C-alpha atoms as a PDB file:
ATOM      1  CA  MET A   1     -16.960-125.075 -31.041  1.00  0.00           C
ATOM      2  CA  SER A   2     -14.984-124.463 -34.805  1.00  0.00           C
ATOM      3  CA  LYS A   3     -11.716-124.359 -34.948  1.00  0.00           C
ATOM      4  CA  ILE A   4     -11.107-120.844 -35.919  1.00  0.00           C
ATOM      5  CA  LYS A   5     -13.361-119.545 -32.625  1.00  0.00           C
ATOM      6  CA  GLU A   6     -11.150-122.540 -30.782  1.00  0.00           C
ATOM      7  CA  ILE A   7      -7.618-120.774 -31.567  1.00  0.00           C
ATOM      8  CA  HIS A   8      -9.234-117.086 -31.196  1.00  0.00           C
ATOM      9  CA  ASP A   9      -9.776-118.270 -27.839  1.00  0.00           C
ATOM     10  CA  VAL A  10      -6.459-119.762 -27.097  1.00  0.00           C
ATOM     11  CA  LEU A  11      -4.509-117.045 -28.289  1.00  0.00           C
ATOM     12  CA  GLU A  12      -6.635-114.489 -26.512  1.00  0.00           C
ATOM     13  CA  ARG A  13      -5.847-116.083 -23.049  1.00  0.00           C
ATOM     14  CA  LEU A  14      -2.057-116.705 -23.437  1.00  0.00           C
ATOM     15  CA  SER A  15      -2.082-112.427 -24.711  1.00  0.00           C
ATOM     16  CA  HIS A  16      -2.971-112.335 -20.866  1.00  0.00           C
ATOM     17  CA  TRP A  17      -0.232-114.898 -19.855  1.00  0.00           C
ATOM     18  CA  GLU A  18       1.405-113.534 -16.597  1.00  0.00           C
ATOM     19  CA  LYS A  19       3.929-116.106 -15.648  1.00  0.00           C
ATOM     20  CA  PRO A  20       7.466-114.132 -16.031  1.00  0.00           C
ATOM     21  CA  LEU A  21       9.946-115.547 -18.392  1.00  0.00           C
ATOM     22  CA  ARG A  22      12.461-118.166 -16.489  1.00  0.00           C
ATOM     23  CA  PHE A  23      15.737-118.803 -18.651  1.00  0.00           C
ATOM     24  CA  HIS A  24      16.259-122.258 -16.554  1.00  0.00           C
ATOM     25  CA  THR A  25      13.218-123.788 -16.079  1.00  0.00           C
ATOM     26  CA  PRO A  26      10.725-124.869 -19.268  1.00  0.00           C
ATOM     27  CA  VAL A  27       7.480-123.761 -19.124  1.00  0.00           C
ATOM     28  CA  GLU A  28       4.763-126.588 -18.314  1.00  0.00           C
ATOM     29  CA  LYS A  29       3.518-127.401 -21.727  1.00  0.00           C
ATOM     30  CA  THR A  30      -0.474-126.240 -20.858  1.00  0.00           C
ATOM     31  CA  SER A  31      -3.402-127.361 -23.252  1.00  0.00           C
ATOM     32  CA  ASP A  32      -3.071-124.221 -24.769  1.00  0.00           C
ATOM     33  CA  ILE A  33       0.557-123.804 -25.529  1.00  0.00           C
ATOM     34  CA  LYS A  34       0.244-127.277 -27.215  1.00  0.00           C
ATOM     35  CA  ALA A  35      -2.426-125.538 -29.154  1.00  0.00           C
ATOM     36  CA  TYR A  36      -0.502-122.902 -30.164  1.00  0.00           C
ATOM     37  CA  LEU A  37       2.810-124.386 -30.788  1.00  0.00           C
ATOM     38  CA  ASP A  38       0.539-127.054 -33.094  1.00  0.00           C
ATOM     39  CA  TYR A  39      -1.346-124.012 -34.742  1.00  0.00           C
ATOM     40  CA  TYR A  40       1.886-122.387 -36.136  1.00  0.00           C
ATOM     41  CA  GLY A  41       3.814-126.041 -36.837  1.00  0.00           C
ATOM     42  CA  PHE A  42       6.026-126.617 -33.679  1.00  0.00           C
ATOM     43  CA  THR A  43       7.356-129.875 -33.775  1.00  0.00           C
ATOM     44  CA  LEU A  44      10.097-129.175 -30.461  1.00  0.00           C
ATOM     45  CA  GLU A  45      11.463-133.220 -30.025  1.00  0.00           C
ATOM     46  CA  ASP A  46      14.445-132.891 -27.076  1.00  0.00           C
ATOM     47  CA  ILE A  47      13.929-128.725 -27.521  1.00  0.00           C
ATOM     48  CA  ASP A  48      13.309-127.047 -23.909  1.00  0.00           C
ATOM     49  CA  PHE A  49      10.819-124.791 -24.556  1.00  0.00           C
ATOM     50  CA  HIS A  50      10.535-121.316 -22.426  1.00  0.00           C
ATOM     51  CA  PHE A  51       7.384-119.092 -22.420  1.00  0.00           C
ATOM     52  CA  GLY A  52       6.515-116.157 -20.257  1.00  0.00           C
ATOM     53  CA  LYS A  53       6.606-112.546 -19.984  1.00  0.00           C
ATOM     54  CA  VAL A  54       9.010-109.443 -19.500  1.00  0.00           C
ATOM     55  CA  ASP A  55       7.330-105.955 -18.401  1.00  0.00           C
ATOM     56  CA  ILE A  56       9.676-103.039 -20.430  1.00  0.00           C
ATOM     57  CA  ASP A  57       8.531-100.189 -19.367  1.00  0.00           C
ATOM     58  CA  GLY A  58       4.927-100.653 -18.337  1.00  0.00           C
ATOM     59  CA  ILE A  59       4.400-103.004 -21.581  1.00  0.00           C
ATOM     60  CA  LYS A  60       3.957-106.814 -21.464  1.00  0.00           C
ATOM     61  CA  ILE A  61       6.305-108.206 -23.645  1.00  0.00           C
ATOM     62  CA  ILE A  62       5.833-112.411 -24.472  1.00  0.00           C
ATOM     63  CA  VAL A  63       9.356-114.233 -25.129  1.00  0.00           C
ATOM     64  CA  GLN A  64       9.726-117.493 -26.212  1.00  0.00           C
ATOM     65  CA  ILE A  65      12.940-119.650 -25.844  1.00  0.00           C
ATOM     66  CA  PHE A  66      13.997-122.948 -27.781  1.00  0.00           C
ATOM     67  CA  SER A  67      16.915-124.735 -26.243  1.00  0.00           C
ATOM     68  CA  PRO A  68      18.902-127.940 -27.963  1.00  0.00           C
ATOM     69  CA  LYS A  69      20.376-130.569 -25.174  1.00  0.00           C
ATOM     70  CA  GLU A  70      23.572-129.037 -26.456  1.00  0.00           C
ATOM     71  CA  SER A  71      23.762-125.708 -27.411  1.00  0.00           C
ATOM     72  CA  ILE A  72      26.585-123.954 -28.907  1.00  0.00           C
ATOM     73  CA  GLY A  73      25.257-120.415 -29.028  1.00  0.00           C
ATOM     74  CA  THR A  74      21.906-118.124 -28.667  1.00  0.00           C
ATOM     75  CA  VAL A  75      20.694-116.604 -31.217  1.00  0.00           C
ATOM     76  CA  PHE A  76      18.410-113.315 -30.872  1.00  0.00           C
ATOM     77  CA  LEU A  77      15.850-113.440 -33.636  1.00  0.00           C
ATOM     78  CA  LEU A  78      13.239-110.406 -34.241  1.00  0.00           C
ATOM     79  CA  HIS A  79      10.987-110.642 -36.316  1.00  0.00           C
ATOM     80  CA  GLY A  80       9.447-108.041 -39.209  1.00  0.00           C
ATOM     81  CA  TYR A  81       6.337-105.887 -39.459  1.00  0.00           C
ATOM     82  CA  LEU A  82       2.914-107.496 -38.252  1.00  0.00           C
ATOM     83  CA  ASP A  83       4.297-110.875 -37.882  1.00  0.00           C
ATOM     84  CA  HIS A  84       5.293-112.472 -34.608  1.00  0.00           C
ATOM     85  CA  VAL A  85       7.287-115.607 -33.277  1.00  0.00           C
ATOM     86  CA  GLY A  86       4.784-117.848 -35.073  1.00  0.00           C
ATOM     87  CA  SER A  87       5.960-116.666 -38.023  1.00  0.00           C
ATOM     88  CA  LEU A  88       9.428-117.524 -37.322  1.00  0.00           C
ATOM     89  CA  GLN A  89       8.703-121.308 -36.718  1.00  0.00           C
ATOM     90  CA  ASN A  90      10.740-122.448 -40.448  1.00  0.00           C
ATOM     91  CA  MET A  91      13.713-120.351 -39.040  1.00  0.00           C
ATOM     92  CA  ILE A  92      13.551-121.377 -34.993  1.00  0.00           C
ATOM     93  CA  HIS A  93      13.625-125.595 -36.627  1.00  0.00           C
ATOM     94  CA  TYR A  94      16.663-124.556 -38.620  1.00  0.00           C
ATOM     95  CA  LEU A  95      18.379-122.941 -35.746  1.00  0.00           C
ATOM     96  CA  THR A  96      17.575-125.445 -33.249  1.00  0.00           C
ATOM     97  CA  LYS A  97      18.279-128.452 -35.376  1.00  0.00           C
ATOM     98  CA  HIS A  98      21.901-127.189 -35.666  1.00  0.00           C
ATOM     99  CA  ASN A  99      22.525-126.764 -32.277  1.00  0.00           C
ATOM    100  CA  TYR A 100      21.493-122.502 -31.601  1.00  0.00           C
ATOM    101  CA  SER A 101      19.458-121.881 -28.746  1.00  0.00           C
ATOM    102  CA  VAL A 102      16.992-119.109 -30.418  1.00  0.00           C
ATOM    103  CA  ILE A 103      15.323-116.383 -28.237  1.00  0.00           C
ATOM    104  CA  SER A 104      12.488-114.780 -29.563  1.00  0.00           C
ATOM    105  CA  TYR A 105       9.812-112.200 -28.812  1.00  0.00           C
ATOM    106  CA  ASP A 106       6.669-110.817 -30.372  1.00  0.00           C
ATOM    107  CA  LEU A 107       7.209-106.848 -30.290  1.00  0.00           C
ATOM    108  CA  GLN A 108       5.049-104.431 -28.323  1.00  0.00           C
ATOM    109  CA  GLY A 109       1.527-104.606 -30.167  1.00  0.00           C
ATOM    110  CA  HIS A 110       2.075-107.312 -32.391  1.00  0.00           C
ATOM    111  CA  GLY A 111       1.305-111.220 -31.539  1.00  0.00           C
ATOM    112  CA  LEU A 112       0.700-111.778 -27.941  1.00  0.00           C
ATOM    113  CA  SER A 113       2.370-109.353 -26.314  1.00  0.00           C
ATOM    114  CA  GLY A 114       0.911-105.684 -24.785  1.00  0.00           C
ATOM    115  CA  GLY A 115       0.737-102.169 -27.116  1.00  0.00           C
ATOM    116  CA  LYS A 116      -1.514-100.739 -30.021  1.00  0.00           C
ATOM    117  CA  ALA A 117      -2.158-103.415 -32.218  1.00  0.00           C
ATOM    118  CA  ALA A 118       0.749-102.823 -35.086  1.00  0.00           C
ATOM    119  CA  SER A 119       1.620 -99.649 -33.416  1.00  0.00           C
ATOM    120  CA  VAL A 120       4.917 -97.607 -32.331  1.00  0.00           C
ATOM    121  CA  ASP A 121       5.412 -93.993 -31.488  1.00  0.00           C
ATOM    122  CA  ASP A 122       8.993 -94.505 -31.835  1.00  0.00           C
ATOM    123  CA  PHE A 123      12.146 -96.693 -33.410  1.00  0.00           C
ATOM    124  CA  SER A 124      13.742 -96.336 -29.668  1.00  0.00           C
ATOM    125  CA  ASP A 125      11.100 -98.283 -27.728  1.00  0.00           C
ATOM    126  CA  TYR A 126      11.331-101.462 -30.121  1.00  0.00           C
ATOM    127  CA  VAL A 127      15.537-100.945 -29.304  1.00  0.00           C
ATOM    128  CA  LEU A 128      14.862-100.571 -25.336  1.00  0.00           C
ATOM    129  CA  THR A 129      13.101-104.141 -25.345  1.00  0.00           C
ATOM    130  CA  LEU A 130      16.265-105.813 -27.297  1.00  0.00           C
ATOM    131  CA  GLU A 131      18.494-104.120 -24.482  1.00  0.00           C
ATOM    132  CA  LYS A 132      16.459-104.860 -21.593  1.00  0.00           C
ATOM    133  CA  LEU A 133      16.321-108.686 -22.747  1.00  0.00           C
ATOM    134  CA  MET A 134      20.308-108.719 -23.686  1.00  0.00           C
ATOM    135  CA  GLN A 135      20.762-107.720 -20.303  1.00  0.00           C
ATOM    136  CA  ARG A 136      18.629-110.364 -19.099  1.00  0.00           C
ATOM    137  CA  ALA A 137      20.596-112.805 -21.404  1.00  0.00           C
ATOM    138  CA  ARG A 138      24.097-112.201 -20.491  1.00  0.00           C
ATOM    139  CA  ASN A 139      23.087-112.458 -16.896  1.00  0.00           C
ATOM    140  CA  GLU A 140      21.480-116.237 -17.471  1.00  0.00           C
ATOM    141  CA  ARG A 141      23.600-117.064 -20.488  1.00  0.00           C
ATOM    142  CA  SER A 142      26.645-117.556 -21.622  1.00  0.00           C
ATOM    143  CA  ASP A 143      28.320-116.401 -24.832  1.00  0.00           C
ATOM    144  CA  PRO A 144      28.308-116.548 -27.576  1.00  0.00           C
ATOM    145  CA  PHE A 145      25.373-114.779 -28.589  1.00  0.00           C
ATOM    146  CA  TYR A 146      24.346-113.604 -32.512  1.00  0.00           C
ATOM    147  CA  VAL A 147      21.414-111.342 -33.773  1.00  0.00           C
ATOM    148  CA  ILE A 148      19.267-112.001 -36.353  1.00  0.00           C
ATOM    149  CA  GLY A 149      16.704-109.779 -37.784  1.00  0.00           C
ATOM    150  CA  HIS A 150      13.929-109.433 -40.807  1.00  0.00           C
ATOM    151  CA  SER A 151      13.034-106.686 -41.913  1.00  0.00           C
ATOM    152  CA  THR A 152      11.696-104.128 -39.067  1.00  0.00           C
ATOM    153  CA  GLY A 153      13.510-106.741 -36.768  1.00  0.00           C
ATOM    154  CA  GLY A 154      16.699-106.022 -39.156  1.00  0.00           C
ATOM    155  CA  ALA A 155      16.192-102.241 -38.637  1.00  0.00           C
ATOM    156  CA  ILE A 156      15.821-102.934 -34.638  1.00  0.00           C
ATOM    157  CA  ALA A 157      19.211-104.894 -35.319  1.00  0.00           C
ATOM    158  CA  ILE A 158      21.264-102.494 -37.140  1.00  0.00           C
ATOM    159  CA  ASN A 159      19.959 -99.817 -34.222  1.00  0.00           C
ATOM    160  CA  TYR A 160      20.950-101.966 -31.486  1.00  0.00           C
ATOM    161  CA  VAL A 161      24.795-102.506 -33.313  1.00  0.00           C
ATOM    162  CA  LEU A 162      25.594 -98.960 -34.184  1.00  0.00           C
ATOM    163  CA  LYS A 163      24.386 -97.417 -30.693  1.00  0.00           C
ATOM    164  CA  HIS A 164      25.871 -99.535 -28.570  1.00  0.00           C
ATOM    165  CA  ARG A 165      29.526 -99.938 -29.352  1.00  0.00           C
ATOM    166  CA  ASP A 166      30.066-102.760 -26.502  1.00  0.00           C
ATOM    167  CA  HIS A 167      26.669-104.828 -27.484  1.00  0.00           C
ATOM    168  CA  HIS A 168      28.655-108.089 -27.082  1.00  0.00           C
ATOM    169  CA  PHE A 169      26.932-110.235 -30.569  1.00  0.00           C
ATOM    170  CA  ARG A 170      29.665-112.153 -32.443  1.00  0.00           C
ATOM    171  CA  LYS A 171      28.033-111.028 -35.594  1.00  0.00           C
ATOM    172  CA  LEU A 172      24.553-109.908 -36.949  1.00  0.00           C
ATOM    173  CA  VAL A 173      22.516-111.619 -40.037  1.00  0.00           C
ATOM    174  CA  LEU A 174      20.127-108.740 -41.868  1.00  0.00           C
ATOM    175  CA  VAL A 175      17.510-110.452 -43.650  1.00  0.00           C
ATOM    176  CA  ALA A 176      15.511-107.976 -46.204  1.00  0.00           C
ATOM    177  CA  PRO A 177      16.230-105.286 -43.247  1.00  0.00           C
ATOM    178  CA  LEU A 178      14.003-102.297 -43.740  1.00  0.00           C
ATOM    179  CA  ILE A 179      15.385 -99.304 -44.375  1.00  0.00           C
ATOM    180  CA  ARG A 180      13.050 -97.562 -46.358  1.00  0.00           C
ATOM    181  CA  SER A 181      10.121 -99.356 -47.559  1.00  0.00           C
ATOM    182  CA  ASN A 182       9.308 -99.810 -51.127  1.00  0.00           C
ATOM    183  CA  TYR A 183       8.052 -96.336 -52.920  1.00  0.00           C
ATOM    184  CA  TRP A 184       9.649 -94.345 -50.101  1.00  0.00           C
ATOM    185  CA  TYR A 185       8.787 -91.252 -51.805  1.00  0.00           C
ATOM    186  CA  LEU A 186       4.503 -92.044 -52.368  1.00  0.00           C
ATOM    187  CA  THR A 187       4.568 -93.238 -48.517  1.00  0.00           C
ATOM    188  CA  LYS A 188       6.318 -90.375 -47.147  1.00  0.00           C
ATOM    189  CA  LEU A 189       3.720 -88.212 -49.352  1.00  0.00           C
ATOM    190  CA  GLY A 190       0.584 -89.958 -48.425  1.00  0.00           C
ATOM    191  CA  TYR A 191       1.398 -89.790 -44.550  1.00  0.00           C
ATOM    192  CA  TYR A 192       2.042 -86.076 -44.613  1.00  0.00           C
ATOM    193  CA  LEU A 193      -1.221 -85.538 -46.852  1.00  0.00           C
ATOM    194  CA  ALA A 194      -3.245 -87.704 -43.961  1.00  0.00           C
ATOM    195  CA  LYS A 195      -1.563 -85.995 -41.452  1.00  0.00           C
ATOM    196  CA  PRO A 196      -3.883 -82.790 -41.553  1.00  0.00           C
ATOM    197  CA  PHE A 197      -6.791 -85.505 -40.593  1.00  0.00           C
ATOM    198  CA  PRO A 198      -7.435 -86.215 -37.176  1.00  0.00           C
ATOM    199  CA  PHE A 199     -10.467 -88.818 -38.226  1.00  0.00           C
ATOM    200  CA  ILE A 200      -7.725 -91.140 -40.222  1.00  0.00           C
ATOM    201  CA  ASP A 201      -5.709 -93.457 -37.355  1.00  0.00           C
ATOM    202  CA  ASP A 202      -4.901 -96.052 -39.920  1.00  0.00           C
ATOM    203  CA  ILE A 203      -5.756 -97.645 -43.391  1.00  0.00           C
ATOM    204  CA  ALA A 204      -6.811-101.280 -44.204  1.00  0.00           C
ATOM    205  CA  ARG A 205      -3.835-103.317 -44.299  1.00  0.00           C
ATOM    206  CA  LYS A 206      -3.538-105.070 -48.260  1.00  0.00           C
ATOM    207  CA  PHE A 207      -1.876-108.243 -47.920  1.00  0.00           C
ATOM    208  CA  ARG A 208       0.590-108.816 -50.218  1.00  0.00           C
ATOM    209  CA  LYS A 209       2.023-111.442 -52.496  1.00  0.00           C
ATOM    210  CA  ASN A 210       5.242-111.533 -50.373  1.00  0.00           C
ATOM    211  CA  SER A 211       6.471-115.318 -51.036  1.00  0.00           C
ATOM    212  CA  SER A 212       6.057-117.802 -53.817  1.00  0.00           C
ATOM    213  CA  ASP A 213       4.570-120.022 -51.034  1.00  0.00           C
ATOM    214  CA  GLN A 214       1.016-120.302 -51.660  1.00  0.00           C
ATOM    215  CA  LYS A 215       0.206-122.339 -48.603  1.00  0.00           C
ATOM    216  CA  TYR A 216       2.413-119.492 -46.368  1.00  0.00           C
ATOM    217  CA  LEU A 217       0.112-117.187 -48.008  1.00  0.00           C
ATOM    218  CA  ALA A 218      -2.961-118.399 -47.741  1.00  0.00           C
ATOM    219  CA  PHE A 219      -2.471-119.163 -44.096  1.00  0.00           C
ATOM    220  CA  THR A 220      -1.148-115.661 -43.260  1.00  0.00           C
ATOM    221  CA  LYS A 221      -4.428-114.199 -44.062  1.00  0.00           C
ATOM    222  CA  LYS A 222      -6.267-116.520 -41.998  1.00  0.00           C
ATOM    223  CA  ASP A 223      -3.681-115.924 -39.083  1.00  0.00           C
ATOM    224  CA  PRO A 224      -5.609-114.494 -36.150  1.00  0.00           C
ATOM    225  CA  LEU A 225      -2.139-112.615 -34.568  1.00  0.00           C
ATOM    226  CA  GLN A 226      -1.882-110.817 -38.630  1.00  0.00           C
ATOM    227  CA  PRO A 227      -2.909-106.778 -38.250  1.00  0.00           C
ATOM    228  CA  LYS A 228      -5.808-106.319 -40.230  1.00  0.00           C
ATOM    229  CA  VAL A 229      -4.808-102.039 -40.148  1.00  0.00           C
ATOM    230  CA  LEU A 230      -1.558-100.484 -40.280  1.00  0.00           C
ATOM    231  CA  PRO A 231      -1.494 -97.413 -37.592  1.00  0.00           C
ATOM    232  CA  LEU A 232      -0.336 -94.169 -39.306  1.00  0.00           C
ATOM    233  CA  ASN A 233       1.748 -93.150 -36.374  1.00  0.00           C
ATOM    234  CA  TRP A 234       4.235 -96.257 -37.028  1.00  0.00           C
ATOM    235  CA  VAL A 235       4.805 -94.784 -40.465  1.00  0.00           C
ATOM    236  CA  GLY A 236       6.088 -91.688 -38.856  1.00  0.00           C
ATOM    237  CA  ALA A 237       7.726 -93.748 -36.677  1.00  0.00           C
ATOM    238  CA  LEU A 238       9.809 -95.289 -39.505  1.00  0.00           C
ATOM    239  CA  LEU A 239      10.191 -91.765 -40.884  1.00  0.00           C
ATOM    240  CA  ASN A 240      11.601 -90.348 -38.034  1.00  0.00           C
ATOM    241  CA  TRP A 241      14.162 -93.174 -37.320  1.00  0.00           C
ATOM    242  CA  ASN A 242      15.220 -92.933 -41.062  1.00  0.00           C
ATOM    243  CA  LYS A 243      16.500 -89.316 -39.955  1.00  0.00           C
ATOM    244  CA  GLU A 244      18.080 -90.786 -36.859  1.00  0.00           C
ATOM    245  CA  ILE A 245      19.867 -93.545 -38.027  1.00  0.00           C
ATOM    246  CA  HIS A 246      21.812 -91.840 -40.165  1.00  0.00           C
ATOM    247  CA  ALA A 247      24.144 -90.043 -37.813  1.00  0.00           C
ATOM    248  CA  TYR A 248      25.468 -93.523 -36.348  1.00  0.00           C
ATOM    249  CA  ASN A 249      29.239 -94.255 -36.885  1.00  0.00           C
ATOM    250  CA  PRO A 250      30.005 -97.540 -38.921  1.00  0.00           C
ATOM    251  CA  THR A 251      30.818-100.591 -36.997  1.00  0.00           C
ATOM    252  CA  ASN A 252      32.901-103.704 -37.822  1.00  0.00           C
ATOM    253  CA  THR A 253      30.703-106.327 -36.776  1.00  0.00           C
ATOM    254  CA  ASP A 254      30.595-109.156 -38.705  1.00  0.00           C
ATOM    255  CA  THR A 255      28.036-108.836 -40.662  1.00  0.00           C
ATOM    256  CA  CYS A 256      25.410-110.508 -43.302  1.00  0.00           C
ATOM    257  CA  ILE A 257      23.282-109.353 -44.932  1.00  0.00           C
ATOM    258  CA  ILE A 258      20.308-111.927 -47.211  1.00  0.00           C
ATOM    259  CA  GLN A 259      18.428-110.130 -49.993  1.00  0.00           C
ATOM    260  CA  GLY A 260      15.930-111.299 -52.286  1.00  0.00           C
ATOM    261  CA  ASN A 261      15.736-109.490 -55.970  1.00  0.00           C
ATOM    262  CA  LYS A 262      12.152-109.854 -56.138  1.00  0.00           C
ATOM    263  CA  ASP A 263      11.364-108.289 -53.008  1.00  0.00           C
ATOM    264  CA  LYS A 264       8.563-105.290 -52.844  1.00  0.00           C
ATOM    265  CA  THR A 265       7.904-104.320 -49.905  1.00  0.00           C
ATOM    266  CA  VAL A 266      11.553-102.575 -48.776  1.00  0.00           C
ATOM    267  CA  ASP A 267      13.418-100.309 -50.941  1.00  0.00           C
ATOM    268  CA  TRP A 268      15.883-102.878 -51.380  1.00  0.00           C
ATOM    269  CA  GLU A 269      18.728-101.467 -53.492  1.00  0.00           C
ATOM    270  CA  TYR A 270      18.600 -98.421 -51.024  1.00  0.00           C
ATOM    271  CA  ASN A 271      18.801 -99.719 -48.048  1.00  0.00           C
ATOM    272  CA  LEU A 272      22.150-102.271 -49.234  1.00  0.00           C
ATOM    273  CA  THR A 273      23.915 -99.290 -49.778  1.00  0.00           C
ATOM    274  CA  PHE A 274      23.420 -97.744 -46.590  1.00  0.00           C
ATOM    275  CA  VAL A 275      24.370-101.186 -44.801  1.00  0.00           C
ATOM    276  CA  GLN A 276      27.512-101.211 -46.994  1.00  0.00           C
ATOM    277  CA  LYS A 277      28.317 -97.965 -45.780  1.00  0.00           C
ATOM    278  CA  LYS A 278      27.499 -98.482 -42.006  1.00  0.00           C
ATOM    279  CA  PHE A 279      29.060-101.952 -42.038  1.00  0.00           C
ATOM    280  CA  ARG A 280      32.506-102.669 -42.975  1.00  0.00           C
ATOM    281  CA  SER A 281      32.670-106.226 -42.352  1.00  0.00           C
ATOM    282  CA  LEU A 282      29.875-107.582 -44.446  1.00  0.00           C
ATOM    283  CA  GLN A 283      29.123-110.206 -46.497  1.00  0.00           C
ATOM    284  CA  VAL A 284      26.146-110.337 -48.926  1.00  0.00           C
ATOM    285  CA  PHE A 285      24.155-113.103 -49.953  1.00  0.00           C
ATOM    286  CA  HIS A 286      21.759-112.436 -53.068  1.00  0.00           C
ATOM    287  CA  ILE A 287      18.648-114.755 -52.917  1.00  0.00           C
ATOM    288  CA  SER A 288      17.446-114.936 -57.033  1.00  0.00           C
ATOM    289  CA  ASN A 289      13.334-115.077 -57.116  1.00  0.00           C
ATOM    290  CA  GLY A 290      13.513-114.344 -53.323  1.00  0.00           C
ATOM    291  CA  ARG A 291      10.783-112.051 -51.986  1.00  0.00           C
ATOM    292  CA  HIS A 292      10.281-110.610 -48.524  1.00  0.00           C
ATOM    293  CA  ALA A 293       8.862-113.143 -47.065  1.00  0.00           C
ATOM    294  CA  LEU A 294      12.179-115.214 -46.976  1.00  0.00           C
ATOM    295  CA  PHE A 295      11.714-117.642 -44.193  1.00  0.00           C
ATOM    296  CA  ASN A 296       8.799-118.607 -45.396  1.00  0.00           C
ATOM    297  CA  GLU A 297       9.410-118.960 -49.233  1.00  0.00           C
ATOM    298  CA  LYS A 298       8.996-122.379 -50.873  1.00  0.00           C
ATOM    299  CA  GLU A 299      11.297-124.595 -49.652  1.00  0.00           C
ATOM    300  CA  GLN A 300      13.847-124.478 -52.472  1.00  0.00           C
ATOM    301  CA  ILE A 301      14.416-120.343 -51.612  1.00  0.00           C
ATOM    302  CA  HIS A 302      14.381-120.631 -47.976  1.00  0.00           C
ATOM    303  CA  GLU A 303      16.434-123.556 -47.254  1.00  0.00           C
ATOM    304  CA  GLU A 304      19.322-121.379 -50.042  1.00  0.00           C
ATOM    305  CA  VAL A 305      18.705-118.265 -47.284  1.00  0.00           C
ATOM    306  CA  PHE A 306      19.026-121.547 -43.700  1.00  0.00           C
ATOM    307  CA  ALA A 307      22.035-122.521 -45.802  1.00  0.00           C
ATOM    308  CA  SER A 308      23.836-119.282 -46.121  1.00  0.00           C
ATOM    309  CA  ILE A 309      22.678-117.910 -42.614  1.00  0.00           C
ATOM    310  CA  HIS A 310      24.531-121.072 -41.097  1.00  0.00           C
ATOM    311  CA  GLN A 311      27.626-120.675 -43.443  1.00  0.00           C
ATOM    312  CA  PHE A 312      27.807-117.213 -42.273  1.00  0.00           C
ATOM    313  CA  LEU A 313      27.678-118.527 -38.674  1.00  0.00           C
ATOM    314  CA  LYS A 314      30.153-120.903 -38.452  1.00  0.00           C
ATOM    315  CA  GLU A 315      32.779-119.008 -40.422  1.00  0.00           C
ATOM    316  CA  GLY A 316      36.129-118.558 -38.076  1.00  0.00           C
ATOM    317  CA  GLU A 317      33.941-120.200 -35.018  1.00  0.00           C
ATOM    318  CA  SER A 318      35.559-123.340 -33.427  1.00  0.00           C
ATOM    319  CA  HIS A 319      32.731-125.111 -32.273  1.00  0.00           C
END
């Protein structure tokens, strides 16, 4: 059996995983789980690994927890659109190395989770998943909690924190967050032009050069968990969410935004202005030559990103 066919079969079986997530009992590392971890580059020395499903309104969400032996806090780590937990392995390694536990999960329609591929009817569905998992985590784990969101994950974190005044996250990190995508008005025009034609449900995905790491770009193109089409209804959900998000009042939550100046995926200058209005206690880290996939940039750039995050999380803490 070819290696490509073998990993496809492994991922297919894991997408049908039915064992529930257990916060205090690491999962048995079956041959499929070992193959998954190996394929996405996870090395988990002295790290307890939890893997299981959580049902959110009838949709199966696959959640992973990475727990070092001595944990100083728990980070919810949210991936961006079209990505999955496997895309976050660099950041997960960094956080666990610095003694943070990490809770991460594949958004609905992404990775190993259920739901229509790369699709969502309303961004509130994404937020509901975070609400339910945070509720569980607070019952199972002690403070402090932090949240780090990349791109669409940043949009989810923004929505959650602005919506819940008692959100229990000590700090919020937004990495190249999505408010508006790049070429925003062209995106809107294209969506409304295509909307009257019911036979146009999605468009073929064009893989962007969103990193200067050529190995990452090549891997992403062949990654079986990367969707190959972009559903139009996801674009519609983004447009609707963009209208709603302006209604929320500002927050004093300690927040930082990390943004590359070569990002061609989001309209980062507009997004930064928006975040500055909504988050009164904000630090901004500009990453020179950083593109959109900041966790997966070449080493010099992603190490700067990770160090900025670590610096922000440590400030004022008594670990």
